[in-house]
Every structure is written in structure tokens, then in C-alpha cells.
Full PDB file with SEQRES, HELIX, SHEET, SSBOND, CRYST1, ORIGX, SCALE, CONECT and MASTER records, all heavy atoms in Angstrom:
SEQRES   1 A   32  LEU ASN PRO GLU GLN ALA TYR ILE TRP ARG ASP ALA LEU          
SEQRES   2 A   32  GLU ALA GLU GLY ILE LYS CYS ARG VAL VAL GLY ASP TYR          
SEQRES   3 A   32  LEU ASP ALA GLY ILE GLY                                      
HELIX    1 AA1 PRO A    3  ALA A   15  1                                  13    
HELIX    2 AA2 ASP A   28  ILE A   31  1                                   4    
CRYST1    1.000    1.000    1.000  90.00  90.00  90.00 P 1           1          
ORIGX1      1.000000  0.000000  0.000000        0.00000                         
ORIGX2      0.000000  1.000000  0.000000        0.00000                         
ORIGX3      0.000000  0.000000  1.000000        0.00000                         
SCALE1      1.000000  0.000000  0.000000        0.00000                         
SCALE2      0.000000  1.000000  0.000000        0.00000                         
SCALE3      0.000000  0.000000  1.000000        0.00000                         
ATOM      1  N   LEU A   1      85.704 143.707 151.005  1.00  0.00           N  
ATOM      2  CA  LEU A   1      86.654 143.550 152.093  1.00  0.00           C  
ATOM      3  C   LEU A   1      88.089 143.411 151.593  1.00  0.00           C  
ATOM      4  O   LEU A   1      89.029 143.778 152.281  1.00  0.00           O  
ATOM      5  CB  LEU A   1      86.287 142.318 152.941  1.00  0.00           C  
ATOM      6  CG  LEU A   1      84.951 142.380 153.649  1.00  0.00           C  
ATOM      7  CD1 LEU A   1      84.649 141.071 154.350  1.00  0.00           C  
ATOM      8  CD2 LEU A   1      84.951 143.537 154.669  1.00  0.00           C  
ATOM      9  N   ASN A   2      88.224 142.861 150.376  1.00  0.00           N  
ATOM     10  CA  ASN A   2      89.549 142.607 149.810  1.00  0.00           C  
ATOM     11  C   ASN A   2      89.420 142.499 148.293  1.00  0.00           C  
ATOM     12  O   ASN A   2      88.309 142.379 147.754  1.00  0.00           O  
ATOM     13  CB  ASN A   2      90.171 141.349 150.409  1.00  0.00           C  
ATOM     14  CG  ASN A   2      89.249 140.156 150.293  1.00  0.00           C  
ATOM     15  OD1 ASN A   2      88.791 139.812 149.210  1.00  0.00           O  
ATOM     16  ND2 ASN A   2      88.953 139.517 151.428  1.00  0.00           N  
ATOM     17  N   PRO A   3      90.533 142.503 147.564  1.00  0.00           N  
ATOM     18  CA  PRO A   3      90.478 142.400 146.108  1.00  0.00           C  
ATOM     19  C   PRO A   3      89.818 141.133 145.593  1.00  0.00           C  
ATOM     20  O   PRO A   3      89.100 141.148 144.598  1.00  0.00           O  
ATOM     21  CB  PRO A   3      91.942 142.485 145.671  1.00  0.00           C  
ATOM     22  CG  PRO A   3      92.605 143.245 146.761  1.00  0.00           C  
ATOM     23  CD  PRO A   3      91.900 142.804 148.026  1.00  0.00           C  
ATOM     24  N   GLU A   4      90.030 140.021 146.293  1.00  0.00           N  
ATOM     25  CA  GLU A   4      89.434 138.759 145.847  1.00  0.00           C  
ATOM     26  C   GLU A   4      87.917 138.852 145.817  1.00  0.00           C  
ATOM     27  O   GLU A   4      87.279 138.424 144.851  1.00  0.00           O  
ATOM     28  CB  GLU A   4      89.906 137.602 146.749  1.00  0.00           C  
ATOM     29  CG  GLU A   4      91.370 137.283 146.633  1.00  0.00           C  
ATOM     30  CD  GLU A   4      92.295 138.228 147.439  1.00  0.00           C  
ATOM     31  OE1 GLU A   4      91.801 139.007 148.284  1.00  0.00           O  
ATOM     32  OE2 GLU A   4      93.495 138.181 147.169  1.00  0.00           O  
ATOM     33  N   GLN A   5      87.335 139.405 146.884  1.00  0.00           N  
ATOM     34  CA  GLN A   5      85.883 139.555 146.928  1.00  0.00           C  
ATOM     35  C   GLN A   5      85.410 140.477 145.820  1.00  0.00           C  
ATOM     36  O   GLN A   5      84.409 140.209 145.166  1.00  0.00           O  
ATOM     37  CB  GLN A   5      85.473 140.102 148.295  1.00  0.00           C  
ATOM     38  CG  GLN A   5      83.960 140.258 148.425  1.00  0.00           C  
ATOM     39  CD  GLN A   5      83.549 140.847 149.747  1.00  0.00           C  
ATOM     40  OE1 GLN A   5      84.162 141.807 150.227  1.00  0.00           O  
ATOM     41  NE2 GLN A   5      82.547 140.264 150.373  1.00  0.00           N  
ATOM     42  N   ALA A   6      86.135 141.555 145.588  1.00  0.00           N  
ATOM     43  CA  ALA A   6      85.761 142.496 144.533  1.00  0.00           C  
ATOM     44  C   ALA A   6      85.717 141.819 143.174  1.00  0.00           C  
ATOM     45  O   ALA A   6      84.794 142.059 142.376  1.00  0.00           O  
ATOM     46  CB  ALA A   6      86.723 143.670 144.516  1.00  0.00           C  
ATOM     47  N   TYR A   7      86.677 140.971 142.893  1.00  0.00           N  
ATOM     48  CA  TYR A   7      86.721 140.316 141.593  1.00  0.00           C  
ATOM     49  C   TYR A   7      85.662 139.200 141.473  1.00  0.00           C  
ATOM     50  O   TYR A   7      85.166 138.942 140.374  1.00  0.00           O  
ATOM     51  CB  TYR A   7      88.127 139.802 141.279  1.00  0.00           C  
ATOM     52  CG  TYR A   7      89.007 140.954 140.828  1.00  0.00           C  
ATOM     53  CD1 TYR A   7      89.908 141.526 141.695  1.00  0.00           C  
ATOM     54  CD2 TYR A   7      88.850 141.495 139.557  1.00  0.00           C  
ATOM     55  CE1 TYR A   7      90.678 142.612 141.314  1.00  0.00           C  
ATOM     56  CE2 TYR A   7      89.622 142.573 139.153  1.00  0.00           C  
ATOM     57  CZ  TYR A   7      90.532 143.122 140.044  1.00  0.00           C  
ATOM     58  OH  TYR A   7      91.282 144.215 139.641  1.00  0.00           O  
ATOM     59  N   ILE A   8      85.278 138.580 142.560  1.00  0.00           N  
ATOM     60  CA  ILE A   8      84.178 137.639 142.544  1.00  0.00           C  
ATOM     61  C   ILE A   8      82.886 138.387 142.197  1.00  0.00           C  
ATOM     62  O   ILE A   8      82.079 137.936 141.369  1.00  0.00           O  
ATOM     63  CB  ILE A   8      84.057 136.899 143.882  1.00  0.00           C  
ATOM     64  CG1 ILE A   8      85.214 135.907 144.054  1.00  0.00           C  
ATOM     65  CG2 ILE A   8      82.708 136.161 143.990  1.00  0.00           C  
ATOM     66  CD1 ILE A   8      85.353 135.319 145.440  1.00  0.00           C  
ATOM     67  N   TRP A   9      82.689 139.535 142.824  1.00  0.00           N  
ATOM     68  CA  TRP A   9      81.513 140.351 142.511  1.00  0.00           C  
ATOM     69  C   TRP A   9      81.541 140.826 141.073  1.00  0.00           C  
ATOM     70  O   TRP A   9      80.522 140.796 140.390  1.00  0.00           O  
ATOM     71  CB  TRP A   9      81.441 141.549 143.444  1.00  0.00           C  
ATOM     72  CG  TRP A   9      81.076 141.216 144.854  1.00  0.00           C  
ATOM     73  CD1 TRP A   9      80.589 140.035 145.339  1.00  0.00           C  
ATOM     74  CD2 TRP A   9      81.157 142.080 145.991  1.00  0.00           C  
ATOM     75  NE1 TRP A   9      80.351 140.117 146.698  1.00  0.00           N  
ATOM     76  CE2 TRP A   9      80.694 141.366 147.113  1.00  0.00           C  
ATOM     77  CE3 TRP A   9      81.583 143.395 146.144  1.00  0.00           C  
ATOM     78  CZ2 TRP A   9      80.657 141.931 148.380  1.00  0.00           C  
ATOM     79  CZ3 TRP A   9      81.530 143.949 147.422  1.00  0.00           C  
ATOM     80  CH2 TRP A   9      81.069 143.229 148.508  1.00  0.00           C  
ATOM     81  N   ARG A  10      82.704 141.266 140.597  1.00  0.00           N  
ATOM     82  CA  ARG A  10      82.821 141.703 139.197  1.00  0.00           C  
ATOM     83  C   ARG A  10      82.404 140.575 138.256  1.00  0.00           C  
ATOM     84  O   ARG A  10      81.654 140.791 137.306  1.00  0.00           O  
ATOM     85  CB  ARG A  10      84.235 142.147 138.886  1.00  0.00           C  
ATOM     86  CG  ARG A  10      84.382 142.635 137.447  1.00  0.00           C  
ATOM     87  CD  ARG A  10      85.770 142.553 136.924  1.00  0.00           C  
ATOM     88  NE  ARG A  10      86.220 141.168 136.890  1.00  0.00           N  
ATOM     89  CZ  ARG A  10      87.436 140.793 136.542  1.00  0.00           C  
ATOM     90  NH1 ARG A  10      88.335 141.712 136.250  1.00  0.00           N  
ATOM     91  NH2 ARG A  10      87.777 139.532 136.510  1.00  0.00           N  
ATOM     92  N   ASP A  11      82.911 139.374 138.506  1.00  0.00           N  
ATOM     93  CA  ASP A  11      82.572 138.235 137.665  1.00  0.00           C  
ATOM     94  C   ASP A  11      81.068 137.950 137.663  1.00  0.00           C  
ATOM     95  O   ASP A  11      80.481 137.647 136.622  1.00  0.00           O  
ATOM     96  CB  ASP A  11      83.349 136.997 138.088  1.00  0.00           C  
ATOM     97  CG  ASP A  11      84.853 137.118 137.828  1.00  0.00           C  
ATOM     98  OD1 ASP A  11      85.261 138.059 137.100  1.00  0.00           O  
ATOM     99  OD2 ASP A  11      85.601 136.291 138.365  1.00  0.00           O  
ATOM    100  N   ALA A  12      80.441 138.053 138.841  1.00  0.00           N  
ATOM    101  CA  ALA A  12      79.000 137.821 138.941  1.00  0.00           C  
ATOM    102  C   ALA A  12      78.225 138.854 138.138  1.00  0.00           C  
ATOM    103  O   ALA A  12      77.256 138.532 137.433  1.00  0.00           O  
ATOM    104  CB  ALA A  12      78.563 137.823 140.404  1.00  0.00           C  
ATOM    105  N   LEU A  13      78.650 140.130 138.222  1.00  0.00           N  
ATOM    106  CA  LEU A  13      77.972 141.171 137.482  1.00  0.00           C  
ATOM    107  C   LEU A  13      78.159 141.009 135.978  1.00  0.00           C  
ATOM    108  O   LEU A  13      77.215 141.118 135.199  1.00  0.00           O  
ATOM    109  CB  LEU A  13      78.491 142.556 137.931  1.00  0.00           C  
ATOM    110  CG  LEU A  13      78.115 142.960 139.347  1.00  0.00           C  
ATOM    111  CD1 LEU A  13      78.887 144.201 139.763  1.00  0.00           C  
ATOM    112  CD2 LEU A  13      76.619 143.182 139.481  1.00  0.00           C  
ATOM    113  N   GLU A  14      79.381 140.721 135.558  1.00  0.00           N  
ATOM    114  CA  GLU A  14      79.644 140.551 134.139  1.00  0.00           C  
ATOM    115  C   GLU A  14      78.906 139.330 133.574  1.00  0.00           C  
ATOM    116  O   GLU A  14      78.491 139.338 132.425  1.00  0.00           O  
ATOM    117  CB  GLU A  14      81.134 140.475 133.889  1.00  0.00           C  
ATOM    118  CG  GLU A  14      81.807 141.823 134.097  1.00  0.00           C  
ATOM    119  CD  GLU A  14      83.301 141.844 133.815  1.00  0.00           C  
ATOM    120  OE1 GLU A  14      83.888 140.757 133.656  1.00  0.00           O  
ATOM    121  OE2 GLU A  14      83.858 142.958 133.761  1.00  0.00           O  
ATOM    122  N   ALA A  15      78.714 138.291 134.384  1.00  0.00           N  
ATOM    123  CA  ALA A  15      77.961 137.123 133.935  1.00  0.00           C  
ATOM    124  C   ALA A  15      76.491 137.488 133.650  1.00  0.00           C  
ATOM    125  O   ALA A  15      75.837 136.831 132.842  1.00  0.00           O  
ATOM    126  CB  ALA A  15      78.040 136.016 134.973  1.00  0.00           C  
ATOM    127  N   GLU A  16      76.015 138.539 134.283  1.00  0.00           N  
ATOM    128  CA  GLU A  16      74.660 139.035 134.060  1.00  0.00           C  
ATOM    129  C   GLU A  16      74.608 140.128 133.008  1.00  0.00           C  
ATOM    130  O   GLU A  16      73.556 140.746 132.800  1.00  0.00           O  
ATOM    131  CB  GLU A  16      74.055 139.568 135.371  1.00  0.00           C  
ATOM    132  CG  GLU A  16      73.864 138.482 136.411  1.00  0.00           C  
ATOM    133  CD  GLU A  16      72.841 137.435 135.987  1.00  0.00           C  
ATOM    134  OE1 GLU A  16      71.836 137.801 135.346  1.00  0.00           O  
ATOM    135  OE2 GLU A  16      73.031 136.247 136.315  1.00  0.00           O  
ATOM    136  N   GLY A  17      75.739 140.404 132.357  1.00  0.00           N  
ATOM    137  CA  GLY A  17      75.779 141.408 131.294  1.00  0.00           C  
ATOM    138  C   GLY A  17      75.897 142.836 131.790  1.00  0.00           C  
ATOM    139  O   GLY A  17      75.598 143.785 131.065  1.00  0.00           O  
ATOM    140  N   ILE A  18      76.314 143.010 133.041  1.00  0.00           N  
ATOM    141  CA  ILE A  18      76.458 144.343 133.622  1.00  0.00           C  
ATOM    142  C   ILE A  18      77.914 144.763 133.559  1.00  0.00           C  
ATOM    143  O   ILE A  18      78.778 144.099 134.153  1.00  0.00           O  
ATOM    144  CB  ILE A  18      75.948 144.368 135.079  1.00  0.00           C  
ATOM    145  CG1 ILE A  18      74.480 143.972 135.132  1.00  0.00           C  
ATOM    146  CG2 ILE A  18      76.171 145.751 135.694  1.00  0.00           C  
ATOM    147  CD1 ILE A  18      73.949 143.732 136.526  1.00  0.00           C  
ATOM    148  N   LYS A  19      78.205 145.810 132.848  1.00  0.00           N  
ATOM    149  CA  LYS A  19      79.584 146.316 132.769  1.00  0.00           C  
ATOM    150  C   LYS A  19      79.928 146.967 134.100  1.00  0.00           C  
ATOM    151  O   LYS A  19      79.128 147.724 134.659  1.00  0.00           O  
ATOM    152  CB  LYS A  19      79.717 147.340 131.636  1.00  0.00           C  
ATOM    153  CG  LYS A  19      79.578 146.753 130.272  1.00  0.00           C  
ATOM    154  CD  LYS A  19      79.771 147.828 129.230  1.00  0.00           C  
ATOM    155  CE  LYS A  19      79.614 147.233 127.848  1.00  0.00           C  
ATOM    156  NZ  LYS A  19      79.786 148.240 126.808  1.00  0.00           N  
ATOM    157  N   CYS A  20      81.102 146.656 134.607  1.00  0.00           N  
ATOM    158  CA  CYS A  20      81.524 147.228 135.883  1.00  0.00           C  
ATOM    159  C   CYS A  20      83.044 147.349 135.910  1.00  0.00           C  
ATOM    160  O   CYS A  20      83.733 146.843 135.031  1.00  0.00           O  
ATOM    161  CB  CYS A  20      81.034 146.377 137.055  1.00  0.00           C  
ATOM    162  SG  CYS A  20      81.725 144.738 137.105  1.00  0.00           S  
ATOM    163  N   ARG A  21      83.508 147.985 136.966  1.00  0.00           N  
ATOM    164  CA  ARG A  21      84.941 148.169 137.146  1.00  0.00           C  
ATOM    165  C   ARG A  21      85.280 148.048 138.611  1.00  0.00           C  
ATOM    166  O   ARG A  21      84.570 148.547 139.466  1.00  0.00           O  
ATOM    167  CB  ARG A  21      85.356 149.533 136.634  1.00  0.00           C  
ATOM    168  CG  ARG A  21      86.829 149.854 136.814  1.00  0.00           C  
ATOM    169  CD  ARG A  21      87.190 151.142 136.142  1.00  0.00           C  
ATOM    170  NE  ARG A  21      86.972 151.056 134.719  1.00  0.00           N  
ATOM    171  CZ  ARG A  21      87.958 150.918 133.823  1.00  0.00           C  
ATOM    172  NH1 ARG A  21      89.191 150.892 134.200  1.00  0.00           N  
ATOM    173  NH2 ARG A  21      87.693 150.854 132.542  1.00  0.00           N  
ATOM    174  N   VAL A  22      86.395 147.342 138.884  1.00  0.00           N  
ATOM    175  CA  VAL A  22      86.943 147.312 140.233  1.00  0.00           C  
ATOM    176  C   VAL A  22      87.910 148.487 140.361  1.00  0.00           C  
ATOM    177  O   VAL A  22      88.793 148.645 139.535  1.00  0.00           O  
ATOM    178  CB  VAL A  22      87.663 145.981 140.512  1.00  0.00           C  
ATOM    179  CG1 VAL A  22      88.343 146.022 141.877  1.00  0.00           C  
ATOM    180  CG2 VAL A  22      86.721 144.802 140.412  1.00  0.00           C  
ATOM    181  N   VAL A  23      87.709 149.325 141.373  1.00  0.00           N  
ATOM    182  CA  VAL A  23      88.545 150.494 141.587  1.00  0.00           C  
ATOM    183  C   VAL A  23      89.200 150.366 142.968  1.00  0.00           C  
ATOM    184  O   VAL A  23      88.550 150.019 143.938  1.00  0.00           O  
ATOM    185  CB  VAL A  23      87.683 151.786 141.550  1.00  0.00           C  
ATOM    186  CG1 VAL A  23      88.533 153.000 141.848  1.00  0.00           C  
ATOM    187  CG2 VAL A  23      87.031 151.917 140.187  1.00  0.00           C  
ATOM    188  N   GLY A  24      90.476 150.649 143.021  1.00  0.00           N  
ATOM    189  CA  GLY A  24      91.184 150.639 144.294  1.00  0.00           C  
ATOM    190  C   GLY A  24      91.731 149.305 144.715  1.00  0.00           C  
ATOM    191  O   GLY A  24      92.147 149.129 145.858  1.00  0.00           O  
ATOM    192  N   ASP A  25      91.719 148.327 143.798  1.00  0.00           N  
ATOM    193  CA  ASP A  25      92.288 147.038 144.148  1.00  0.00           C  
ATOM    194  C   ASP A  25      93.803 147.154 144.303  1.00  0.00           C  
ATOM    195  O   ASP A  25      94.460 147.815 143.530  1.00  0.00           O  
ATOM    196  CB  ASP A  25      91.910 145.977 143.102  1.00  0.00           C  
ATOM    197  CG  ASP A  25      92.290 146.406 141.700  1.00  0.00           C  
ATOM    198  OD1 ASP A  25      92.337 147.600 141.420  1.00  0.00           O  
ATOM    199  OD2 ASP A  25      92.512 145.504 140.850  1.00  0.00           O  
ATOM    200  N   TYR A  26      94.280 146.576 145.310  1.00  0.00           N  
ATOM    201  CA  TYR A  26      95.722 146.535 145.604  1.00  0.00           C  
ATOM    202  C   TYR A  26      96.328 147.892 145.923  1.00  0.00           C  
ATOM    203  O   TYR A  26      97.521 148.050 145.846  1.00  0.00           O  
ATOM    204  CB  TYR A  26      96.497 145.822 144.473  1.00  0.00           C  
ATOM    205  CG  TYR A  26      95.992 144.410 144.310  1.00  0.00           C  
ATOM    206  CD1 TYR A  26      95.248 144.051 143.206  1.00  0.00           C  
ATOM    207  CD2 TYR A  26      96.261 143.455 145.264  1.00  0.00           C  
ATOM    208  CE1 TYR A  26      94.762 142.759 143.078  1.00  0.00           C  
ATOM    209  CE2 TYR A  26      95.787 142.160 145.130  1.00  0.00           C  
ATOM    210  CZ  TYR A  26      95.046 141.819 144.022  1.00  0.00           C  
ATOM    211  OH  TYR A  26      94.570 140.527 143.887  1.00  0.00           O  
ATOM    212  N   LEU A  27      95.508 148.871 146.330  1.00  0.00           N  
ATOM    213  CA  LEU A  27      96.074 150.132 146.789  1.00  0.00           C  
ATOM    214  C   LEU A  27      96.937 149.921 148.018  1.00  0.00           C  
ATOM    215  O   LEU A  27      97.930 150.592 148.225  1.00  0.00           O  
ATOM    216  CB  LEU A  27      94.963 151.133 147.129  1.00  0.00           C  
ATOM    217  CG  LEU A  27      94.380 151.923 145.982  1.00  0.00           C  
ATOM    218  CD1 LEU A  27      93.222 152.779 146.485  1.00  0.00           C  
ATOM    219  CD2 LEU A  27      95.401 152.783 145.295  1.00  0.00           C  
ATOM    220  N   ASP A  28      96.526 148.955 148.847  1.00  0.00           N  
ATOM    221  CA  ASP A  28      97.270 148.708 150.092  1.00  0.00           C  
ATOM    222  C   ASP A  28      98.645 148.102 149.837  1.00  0.00           C  
ATOM    223  O   ASP A  28      99.507 148.131 150.705  1.00  0.00           O  
ATOM    224  CB  ASP A  28      96.470 147.813 151.027  1.00  0.00           C  
ATOM    225  CG  ASP A  28      96.149 146.464 150.451  1.00  0.00           C  
ATOM    226  OD1 ASP A  28      96.264 146.268 149.219  1.00  0.00           O  
ATOM    227  OD2 ASP A  28      95.768 145.561 151.224  1.00  0.00           O  
ATOM    228  N   ALA A  29      98.904 147.617 148.633  1.00  0.00           N  
ATOM    229  CA  ALA A  29     100.219 147.018 148.359  1.00  0.00           C  
ATOM    230  C   ALA A  29     101.327 148.043 148.459  1.00  0.00           C  
ATOM    231  O   ALA A  29     102.427 147.723 148.869  1.00  0.00           O  
ATOM    232  CB  ALA A  29     100.213 146.397 146.948  1.00  0.00           C  
ATOM    233  N   GLY A  30     101.045 149.255 148.093  1.00  0.00           N  
ATOM    234  CA  GLY A  30     102.086 150.293 148.109  1.00  0.00           C  
ATOM    235  C   GLY A  30     102.205 151.048 149.406  1.00  0.00           C  
ATOM    236  O   GLY A  30     103.267 151.564 149.735  1.00  0.00           O  
ATOM    237  N   ILE A  31     101.093 151.125 150.139  1.00  0.00           N  
ATOM    238  CA  ILE A  31     101.127 151.984 151.333  1.00  0.00           C  
ATOM    239  C   ILE A  31     100.639 151.279 152.601  1.00  0.00           C  
ATOM    240  O   ILE A  31     100.486 151.904 153.629  1.00  0.00           O  
ATOM    241  CB  ILE A  31     100.296 153.267 151.112  1.00  0.00           C  
ATOM    242  CG1 ILE A  31      98.890 152.936 150.653  1.00  0.00           C  
ATOM    243  CG2 ILE A  31     100.984 154.176 150.136  1.00  0.00           C  
ATOM    244  CD1 ILE A  31      98.005 154.150 150.425  1.00  0.00           C  
ATOM    245  N   GLY A  32     100.363 150.018 152.534  1.00  0.00           N  
ATOM    246  CA  GLY A  32      99.946 149.281 153.713  1.00  0.00           C  
ATOM    247  C   GLY A  32      98.452 149.264 153.900  1.00  0.00           C  
ATOM    248  O   GLY A  32      97.704 149.880 153.145  1.00  0.00           O  
TER     249      GLY A  32                                                      
MASTER        0    0    0    2    0    0    0    6  248    1    0    3          
END                                                                             
């Protein structure tokens, strides 16, 4: 829903040893 949620999910995945990437975070900063 938002970048904060994405990074919480990323942290949960990385804690389990799963490599992941957040894509598209803060895209709305430049264009609304």
C-alpha cells in the first residue's frame, strides 16, 4: 500500500534469508 509496508515486508523476508528487492518505492514523490 505504501513504501513503509514494503520495507516491513522486505525486512521480514530478509530475516528468513530470502533475498528481495523493493521496486517502485517513492515513485509518487515525483509525480503524485
